[in-house]
Amino acid sequence: MKPSKFPKEQREQLVELVQEYFETERGETLGHLAAEGVLDFFIETLGPYLYNQALSDCRTVVNQRMISLEEDIYALEQKVKRTR
């Protein structure tokens, strides 16, 4: 699978968030290029874990909905009259 690519606008927003984090939490000023490097590192390193967890969460939701749907379908069944 290809690494995640974000639209330019969204990527810029993420880079700014990295810069803000370093400034606020660590008291360090990070340039744009360095912030992009940090962002790329986390995307490549943490991205697959986060993606897989999201898929697992999605599977759980879909399975719950399928169970609910199955119950709804059974509720639609009509009683069959027995004739002699």
PDB file of N, CA and C in Angstrom:
ATOM      1  N   MET A   1       0.830  -1.175   0.000  1.00  0.00           N
ATOM      2  CA  MET A   1       0.000   0.000   0.000  1.00  0.00           C
ATOM      3  C   MET A   1       0.879   1.246   0.000  1.00  0.00           C
ATOM      4  N   LYS A   2       0.453   2.257  -0.726  1.00  0.00           N
ATOM      5  CA  LYS A   2       1.212   3.498  -0.820  1.00  0.00           C
ATOM      6  C   LYS A   2       1.094   4.291   0.477  1.00  0.00           C
ATOM      7  N   PRO A   3       2.142   5.055   0.803  1.00  0.00           N
ATOM      8  CA  PRO A   3       2.032   5.923   1.971  1.00  0.00           C
ATOM      9  C   PRO A   3       0.933   6.959   1.756  1.00  0.00           C
ATOM     10  N   SER A   4       0.354   7.413   2.843  1.00  0.00           N
ATOM     11  CA  SER A   4      -0.720   8.398   2.757  1.00  0.00           C
ATOM     12  C   SER A   4      -0.209   9.709   2.189  1.00  0.00           C
ATOM     13  N   LYS A   5      -0.969  10.261   1.301  1.00  0.00           N
ATOM     14  CA  LYS A   5      -0.660  11.582   0.758  1.00  0.00           C
ATOM     15  C   LYS A   5      -1.828  12.485   1.114  1.00  0.00           C
ATOM     16  N   PHE A   6      -1.488  13.614   1.682  1.00  0.00           N
ATOM     17  CA  PHE A   6      -2.516  14.565   2.063  1.00  0.00           C
ATOM     18  C   PHE A   6      -2.571  15.681   1.031  1.00  0.00           C
ATOM     19  N   PRO A   7      -3.744  16.230   0.813  1.00  0.00           N
ATOM     20  CA  PRO A   7      -3.831  17.400  -0.071  1.00  0.00           C
ATOM     21  C   PRO A   7      -2.944  18.515   0.499  1.00  0.00           C
ATOM     22  N   LYS A   8      -2.424  19.358  -0.398  1.00  0.00           N
ATOM     23  CA  LYS A   8      -1.467  20.393  -0.020  1.00  0.00           C
ATOM     24  C   LYS A   8      -1.958  21.237   1.154  1.00  0.00           C
ATOM     25  N   GLU A   9      -3.201  21.665   1.088  1.00  0.00           N
ATOM     26  CA  GLU A   9      -3.765  22.520   2.144  1.00  0.00           C
ATOM     27  C   GLU A   9      -3.771  21.800   3.497  1.00  0.00           C
ATOM     28  N   GLN A  10      -4.173  20.546   3.475  1.00  0.00           N
ATOM     29  CA  GLN A  10      -4.228  19.757   4.708  1.00  0.00           C
ATOM     30  C   GLN A  10      -2.817  19.485   5.240  1.00  0.00           C
ATOM     31  N   ARG A  11      -1.887  19.206   4.349  1.00  0.00           N
ATOM     32  CA  ARG A  11      -0.500  18.958   4.748  1.00  0.00           C
ATOM     33  C   ARG A  11       0.089  20.203   5.409  1.00  0.00           C
ATOM     34  N   GLU A  12      -0.179  21.361   4.838  1.00  0.00           N
ATOM     35  CA  GLU A  12       0.316  22.620   5.417  1.00  0.00           C
ATOM     36  C   GLU A  12      -0.246  22.821   6.826  1.00  0.00           C
ATOM     37  N   GLN A  13      -1.496  22.485   6.984  1.00  0.00           N
ATOM     38  CA  GLN A  13      -2.148  22.595   8.299  1.00  0.00           C
ATOM     39  C   GLN A  13      -1.455  21.666   9.307  1.00  0.00           C
ATOM     40  N   LEU A  14      -1.138  20.451   8.875  1.00  0.00           N
ATOM     41  CA  LEU A  14      -0.461  19.495   9.747  1.00  0.00           C
ATOM     42  C   LEU A  14       0.945  19.960  10.113  1.00  0.00           C
ATOM     43  N   VAL A  15       1.645  20.522   9.147  1.00  0.00           N
ATOM     44  CA  VAL A  15       2.993  21.045   9.408  1.00  0.00           C
ATOM     45  C   VAL A  15       2.913  22.158  10.457  1.00  0.00           C
ATOM     46  N   GLU A  16       1.924  23.031  10.317  1.00  0.00           N
ATOM     47  CA  GLU A  16       1.737  24.112  11.295  1.00  0.00           C
ATOM     48  C   GLU A  16       1.446  23.549  12.681  1.00  0.00           C
ATOM     49  N   LEU A  17       0.667  22.492  12.746  1.00  0.00           N
ATOM     50  CA  LEU A  17       0.368  21.867  14.035  1.00  0.00           C
ATOM     51  C   LEU A  17       1.620  21.291  14.678  1.00  0.00           C
ATOM     52  N   VAL A  18       2.492  20.695  13.873  1.00  0.00           N
ATOM     53  CA  VAL A  18       3.757  20.170  14.379  1.00  0.00           C
ATOM     54  C   VAL A  18       4.595  21.326  14.934  1.00  0.00           C
ATOM     55  N   GLN A  19       4.666  22.412  14.176  1.00  0.00           N
ATOM     56  CA  GLN A  19       5.436  23.574  14.625  1.00  0.00           C
ATOM     57  C   GLN A  19       4.872  24.132  15.936  1.00  0.00           C
ATOM     58  N   GLU A  20       3.554  24.234  16.022  1.00  0.00           N
ATOM     59  CA  GLU A  20       2.909  24.736  17.241  1.00  0.00           C
ATOM     60  C   GLU A  20       3.200  23.828  18.430  1.00  0.00           C
ATOM     61  N   TYR A  21       3.149  22.526  18.190  1.00  0.00           N
ATOM     62  CA  TYR A  21       3.420  21.576  19.263  1.00  0.00           C
ATOM     63  C   TYR A  21       4.828  21.766  19.807  1.00  0.00           C
ATOM     64  N   PHE A  22       5.802  21.816  18.928  1.00  0.00           N
ATOM     65  CA  PHE A  22       7.185  21.962  19.375  1.00  0.00           C
ATOM     66  C   PHE A  22       7.385  23.283  20.115  1.00  0.00           C
ATOM     67  N   GLU A  23       6.749  24.332  19.641  1.00  0.00           N
ATOM     68  CA  GLU A  23       6.876  25.635  20.295  1.00  0.00           C
ATOM     69  C   GLU A  23       6.232  25.628  21.675  1.00  0.00           C
ATOM     70  N   THR A  24       5.023  25.084  21.764  1.00  0.00           N
ATOM     71  CA  THR A  24       4.262  25.093  23.019  1.00  0.00           C
ATOM     72  C   THR A  24       4.798  24.098  24.037  1.00  0.00           C
ATOM     73  N   GLU A  25       5.019  22.877  23.604  1.00  0.00           N
ATOM     74  CA  GLU A  25       5.371  21.806  24.535  1.00  0.00           C
ATOM     75  C   GLU A  25       6.866  21.700  24.824  1.00  0.00           C
ATOM     76  N   ARG A  26       7.673  22.086  23.856  1.00  0.00           N
ATOM     77  CA  ARG A  26       9.115  21.886  24.022  1.00  0.00           C
ATOM     78  C   ARG A  26       9.905  23.190  24.020  1.00  0.00           C
ATOM     79  N   GLY A  27       9.229  24.296  23.721  1.00  0.00           N
ATOM     80  CA  GLY A  27       9.909  25.580  23.683  1.00  0.00           C
ATOM     81  C   GLY A  27      10.920  25.679  22.561  1.00  0.00           C
ATOM     82  N   GLU A  28      10.712  24.899  21.507  1.00  0.00           N
ATOM     83  CA  GLU A  28      11.638  24.888  20.366  1.00  0.00           C
ATOM     84  C   GLU A  28      10.936  25.451  19.141  1.00  0.00           C
ATOM     85  N   THR A  29      11.679  26.238  18.389  1.00  0.00           N
ATOM     86  CA  THR A  29      11.146  26.747  17.133  1.00  0.00           C
ATOM     87  C   THR A  29      11.606  25.799  16.036  1.00  0.00           C
ATOM     88  N   LEU A  30      10.635  25.284  15.319  1.00  0.00           N
ATOM     89  CA  LEU A  30      10.922  24.318  14.257  1.00  0.00           C
ATOM     90  C   LEU A  30      10.623  24.981  12.924  1.00  0.00           C
ATOM     91  N   GLY A  31      11.568  24.920  12.005  1.00  0.00           N
ATOM     92  CA  GLY A  31      11.337  25.469  10.671  1.00  0.00           C
ATOM     93  C   GLY A  31      10.372  24.597   9.891  1.00  0.00           C
ATOM     94  N   HIS A  32       9.939  25.132   8.778  1.00  0.00           N
ATOM     95  CA  HIS A  32       8.959  24.421   7.940  1.00  0.00           C
ATOM     96  C   HIS A  32       9.509  23.079   7.461  1.00  0.00           C
ATOM     97  N   LEU A  33      10.745  23.068   6.991  1.00  0.00           N
ATOM     98  CA  LEU A  33      11.346  21.834   6.472  1.00  0.00           C
ATOM     99  C   LEU A  33      11.501  20.778   7.575  1.00  0.00           C
ATOM    100  N   ALA A  34      11.935  21.215   8.743  1.00  0.00           N
ATOM    101  CA  ALA A  34      12.090  20.281   9.868  1.00  0.00           C
ATOM    102  C   ALA A  34      10.730  19.733  10.299  1.00  0.00           C
ATOM    103  N   ALA A  35       9.723  20.599  10.325  1.00  0.00           N
ATOM    104  CA  ALA A  35       8.374  20.159  10.703  1.00  0.00           C
ATOM    105  C   ALA A  35       7.833  19.160   9.684  1.00  0.00           C
ATOM    106  N   GLU A  36       8.126  19.380   8.416  1.00  0.00           N
ATOM    107  CA  GLU A  36       7.714  18.414   7.391  1.00  0.00           C
ATOM    108  C   GLU A  36       8.396  17.071   7.612  1.00  0.00           C
ATOM    109  N   GLY A  37       9.661  17.101   7.999  1.00  0.00           N
ATOM    110  CA  GLY A  37      10.389  15.859   8.276  1.00  0.00           C
ATOM    111  C   GLY A  37       9.795  15.106   9.440  1.00  0.00           C
ATOM    112  N   VAL A  38       9.438  15.824  10.495  1.00  0.00           N
ATOM    113  CA  VAL A  38       8.801  15.192  11.661  1.00  0.00           C
ATOM    114  C   VAL A  38       7.460  14.595  11.248  1.00  0.00           C
ATOM    115  N   LEU A  39       6.687  15.362  10.496  1.00  0.00           N
ATOM    116  CA  LEU A  39       5.388  14.882  10.031  1.00  0.00           C
ATOM    117  C   LEU A  39       5.551  13.621   9.187  1.00  0.00           C
ATOM    118  N   ASP A  40       6.494  13.638   8.250  1.00  0.00           N
ATOM    119  CA  ASP A  40       6.732  12.461   7.401  1.00  0.00           C
ATOM    120  C   ASP A  40       7.130  11.248   8.240  1.00  0.00           C
ATOM    121  N   PHE A  41       7.983  11.472   9.234  1.00  0.00           N
ATOM    122  CA  PHE A  41       8.407  10.373  10.108  1.00  0.00           C
ATOM    123  C   PHE A  41       7.198   9.744  10.800  1.00  0.00           C
ATOM    124  N   PHE A  42       6.332  10.588  11.373  1.00  0.00           N
ATOM    125  CA  PHE A  42       5.181  10.045  12.091  1.00  0.00           C
ATOM    126  C   PHE A  42       4.175   9.393  11.156  1.00  0.00           C
ATOM    127  N   ILE A  43       4.002   9.954   9.984  1.00  0.00           N
ATOM    128  CA  ILE A  43       3.082   9.341   9.019  1.00  0.00           C
ATOM    129  C   ILE A  43       3.594   7.950   8.632  1.00  0.00           C
ATOM    130  N   GLU A  44       4.879   7.856   8.330  1.00  0.00           N
ATOM    131  CA  GLU A  44       5.447   6.573   7.913  1.00  0.00           C
ATOM    132  C   GLU A  44       5.496   5.567   9.056  1.00  0.00           C
ATOM    133  N   THR A  45       5.783   6.052  10.263  1.00  0.00           N
ATOM    134  CA  THR A  45       5.951   5.148  11.399  1.00  0.00           C
ATOM    135  C   THR A  45       4.630   4.778  12.051  1.00  0.00           C
ATOM    136  N   LEU A  46       3.822   5.782  12.354  1.00  0.00           N
ATOM    137  CA  LEU A  46       2.569   5.533  13.070  1.00  0.00           C
ATOM    138  C   LEU A  46       1.387   5.298  12.144  1.00  0.00           C
ATOM    139  N   GLY A  47       1.492   5.800  10.926  1.00  0.00           N
ATOM    140  CA  GLY A  47       0.381   5.707   9.980  1.00  0.00           C
ATOM    141  C   GLY A  47      -0.206   4.309   9.834  1.00  0.00           C
ATOM    142  N   PRO A  48       0.629   3.290   9.576  1.00  0.00           N
ATOM    143  CA  PRO A  48       0.069   1.945   9.411  1.00  0.00           C
ATOM    144  C   PRO A  48      -0.666   1.434  10.659  1.00  0.00           C
ATOM    145  N   TYR A  49      -0.155   1.751  11.840  1.00  0.00           N
ATOM    146  CA  TYR A  49      -0.823   1.321  13.078  1.00  0.00           C
ATOM    147  C   TYR A  49      -2.195   2.002  13.209  1.00  0.00           C
ATOM    148  N   LEU A  50      -2.216   3.307  12.954  1.00  0.00           N
ATOM    149  CA  LEU A  50      -3.469   4.046  13.063  1.00  0.00           C
ATOM    150  C   LEU A  50      -4.472   3.581  12.010  1.00  0.00           C
ATOM    151  N   TYR A  51      -3.988   3.345  10.804  1.00  0.00           N
ATOM    152  CA  TYR A  51      -4.837   2.885   9.711  1.00  0.00           C
ATOM    153  C   TYR A  51      -5.451   1.520  10.045  1.00  0.00           C
ATOM    154  N   ASN A  52      -4.612   0.607  10.524  1.00  0.00           N
ATOM    155  CA  ASN A  52      -5.107  -0.726  10.875  1.00  0.00           C
ATOM    156  C   ASN A  52      -6.109  -0.682  12.013  1.00  0.00           C
ATOM    157  N   GLN A  53      -5.874   0.196  12.994  1.00  0.00           N
ATOM    158  CA  GLN A  53      -6.828   0.336  14.100  1.00  0.00           C
ATOM    159  C   GLN A  53      -8.154   0.895  13.594  1.00  0.00           C
ATOM    160  N   ALA A  54      -8.073   1.851  12.675  1.00  0.00           N
ATOM    161  CA  ALA A  54      -9.297   2.409  12.093  1.00  0.00           C
ATOM    162  C   ALA A  54     -10.081   1.328  11.350  1.00  0.00           C
ATOM    163  N   LEU A  55      -9.371   0.467  10.615  1.00  0.00           N
ATOM    164  CA  LEU A  55     -10.050  -0.633   9.914  1.00  0.00           C
ATOM    165  C   LEU A  55     -10.695  -1.595  10.910  1.00  0.00           C
ATOM    166  N   SER A  56     -10.005  -1.865  11.999  1.00  0.00           N
ATOM    167  CA  SER A  56     -10.549  -2.750  13.026  1.00  0.00           C
ATOM    168  C   SER A  56     -11.814  -2.139  13.636  1.00  0.00           C
ATOM    169  N   ASP A  57     -11.760  -0.846  13.929  1.00  0.00           N
ATOM    170  CA  ASP A  57     -12.939  -0.152  14.462  1.00  0.00           C
ATOM    171  C   ASP A  57     -14.090  -0.198  13.459  1.00  0.00           C
ATOM    172  N   CYS A  58     -13.762  -0.029  12.190  1.00  0.00           N
ATOM    173  CA  CYS A  58     -14.773  -0.068  11.134  1.00  0.00           C
ATOM    174  C   CYS A  58     -15.414  -1.449  11.063  1.00  0.00           C
ATOM    175  N   ARG A  59     -14.575  -2.494  11.137  1.00  0.00           N
ATOM    176  CA  ARG A  59     -15.101  -3.863  11.120  1.00  0.00           C
ATOM    177  C   ARG A  59     -16.080  -4.084  12.267  1.00  0.00           C
ATOM    178  N   THR A  60     -15.731  -3.585  13.435  1.00  0.00           N
ATOM    179  CA  THR A  60     -16.592  -3.742  14.607  1.00  0.00           C
ATOM    180  C   THR A  60     -17.943  -3.081  14.373  1.00  0.00           C
ATOM    181  N   VAL A  61     -17.929  -1.861  13.866  1.00  0.00           N
ATOM    182  CA  VAL A  61     -19.179  -1.136  13.602  1.00  0.00           C
ATOM    183  C   VAL A  61     -20.009  -1.860  12.553  1.00  0.00           C
ATOM    184  N   VAL A  62     -19.364  -2.306  11.475  1.00  0.00           N
ATOM    185  CA  VAL A  62     -20.093  -3.004  10.409  1.00  0.00           C
ATOM    186  C   VAL A  62     -20.693  -4.301  10.943  1.00  0.00           C
ATOM    187  N   ASN A  63     -19.935  -5.054  11.745  1.00  0.00           N
ATOM    188  CA  ASN A  63     -20.459  -6.302  12.314  1.00  0.00           C
ATOM    189  C   ASN A  63     -21.656  -6.033  13.223  1.00  0.00           C
ATOM    190  N   GLN A  64     -21.583  -4.981  14.033  1.00  0.00           N
ATOM    191  CA  GLN A  64     -22.710  -4.639  14.906  1.00  0.00           C
ATOM    192  C   GLN A  64     -23.932  -4.270  14.085  1.00  0.00           C
ATOM    193  N   ARG A  65     -23.718  -3.518  13.018  1.00  0.00           N
ATOM    194  CA  ARG A  65     -24.839  -3.113  12.163  1.00  0.00           C
ATOM    195  C   ARG A  65     -25.438  -4.316  11.440  1.00  0.00           C
ATOM    196  N   MET A  66     -24.581  -5.270  11.037  1.00  0.00           N
ATOM    197  CA  MET A  66     -25.078  -6.470  10.353  1.00  0.00           C
ATOM    198  C   MET A  66     -25.937  -7.305  11.302  1.00  0.00           C
ATOM    199  N   ILE A  67     -25.511  -7.398  12.550  1.00  0.00           N
ATOM    200  CA  ILE A  67     -26.302  -8.135  13.539  1.00  0.00           C
ATOM    201  C   ILE A  67     -27.654  -7.456  13.720  1.00  0.00           C
ATOM    202  N   SER A  68     -27.631  -6.144  13.833  1.00  0.00           N
ATOM    203  CA  SER A  68     -28.873  -5.389  13.985  1.00  0.00           C
ATOM    204  C   SER A  68     -29.767  -5.560  12.755  1.00  0.00           C
ATOM    205  N   LEU A  69     -29.163  -5.507  11.576  1.00  0.00           N
ATOM    206  CA  LEU A  69     -29.917  -5.686  10.338  1.00  0.00           C
ATOM    207  C   LEU A  69     -30.524  -7.080  10.271  1.00  0.00           C
ATOM    208  N   GLU A  70     -29.761  -8.085  10.678  1.00  0.00           N
ATOM    209  CA  GLU A  70     -30.270  -9.452  10.681  1.00  0.00           C
ATOM    210  C   GLU A  70     -31.473  -9.579  11.616  1.00  0.00           C
ATOM    211  N   GLU A  71     -31.380  -8.941  12.780  1.00  0.00           N
ATOM    212  CA  GLU A  71     -32.502  -8.969  13.720  1.00  0.00           C
ATOM    213  C   GLU A  71     -33.726  -8.281  13.126  1.00  0.00           C
ATOM    214  N   ASP A  72     -33.510  -7.170  12.421  1.00  0.00           N
ATOM    215  CA  ASP A  72     -34.619  -6.461  11.775  1.00  0.00           C
ATOM    216  C   ASP A  72     -35.272  -7.325  10.697  1.00  0.00           C
ATOM    217  N   ILE A  73     -34.462  -8.064   9.962  1.00  0.00           N
ATOM    218  CA  ILE A  73     -35.002  -8.929   8.911  1.00  0.00           C
ATOM    219  C   ILE A  73     -35.826 -10.062   9.525  1.00  0.00           C
ATOM    220  N   TYR A  74     -35.330 -10.674  10.595  1.00  0.00           N
ATOM    221  CA  TYR A  74     -36.109 -11.717  11.272  1.00  0.00           C
ATOM    222  C   TYR A  74     -37.427 -11.160  11.802  1.00  0.00           C
ATOM    223  N   ALA A  75     -37.417  -9.921  12.262  1.00  0.00           N
ATOM    224  CA  ALA A  75     -38.631  -9.295  12.791  1.00  0.00           C
ATOM    225  C   ALA A  75     -39.686  -9.105  11.698  1.00  0.00           C
ATOM    226  N   LEU A  76     -39.272  -9.071  10.455  1.00  0.00           N
ATOM    227  CA  LEU A  76     -40.210  -8.892   9.343  1.00  0.00           C
ATOM    228  C   LEU A  76     -40.910 -10.193   8.937  1.00  0.00           C
ATOM    229  N   GLU A  77     -40.403 -11.317   9.400  1.00  0.00           N
ATOM    230  CA  GLU A  77     -41.001 -12.590   9.015  1.00  0.00           C
ATOM    231  C   GLU A  77     -42.449 -12.665   9.500  1.00  0.00           C
ATOM    232  N   GLN A  78     -43.250 -13.266   8.669  1.00  0.00           N
ATOM    233  CA  GLN A  78     -44.655 -13.436   9.010  1.00  0.00           C
ATOM    234  C   GLN A  78     -44.891 -14.867   9.464  1.00  0.00           C
ATOM    235  N   LYS A  79     -45.841 -14.982  10.354  1.00  0.00           N
ATOM    236  CA  LYS A  79     -46.192 -16.324  10.810  1.00  0.00           C
ATOM    237  C   LYS A  79     -46.917 -17.060   9.710  1.00  0.00           C
ATOM    238  N   VAL A  80     -46.610 -18.322   9.597  1.00  0.00           N
ATOM    239  CA  VAL A  80     -47.236 -19.149   8.576  1.00  0.00           C
ATOM    240  C   VAL A  80     -48.358 -19.941   9.222  1.00  0.00           C
ATOM    241  N   LYS A  81     -49.535 -19.834   8.618  1.00  0.00           N
ATOM    242  CA  LYS A  81     -50.669 -20.602   9.147  1.00  0.00           C
ATOM    243  C   LYS A  81     -50.594 -22.026   8.637  1.00  0.00           C
ATOM    244  N   ARG A  82     -50.817 -22.936   9.549  1.00  0.00           N
ATOM    245  CA  ARG A  82     -50.820 -24.343   9.136  1.00  0.00           C
ATOM    246  C   ARG A  82     -52.234 -24.724   8.737  1.00  0.00           C
ATOM    247  N   THR A  83     -52.325 -25.344   7.616  1.00  0.00           N
ATOM    248  CA  THR A  83     -53.645 -25.814   7.173  1.00  0.00           C
ATOM    249  C   THR A  83     -53.631 -27.321   7.103  1.00  0.00           C
ATOM    250  N   ARG A  84     -54.807 -27.888   7.303  1.00  0.00           N
ATOM    251  CA  ARG A  84     -54.914 -29.346   7.266  1.00  0.00           C
ATOM    252  C   ARG A  84     -55.402 -29.811   5.953  1.00  0.00           C
TER     253      ARG A  84
END
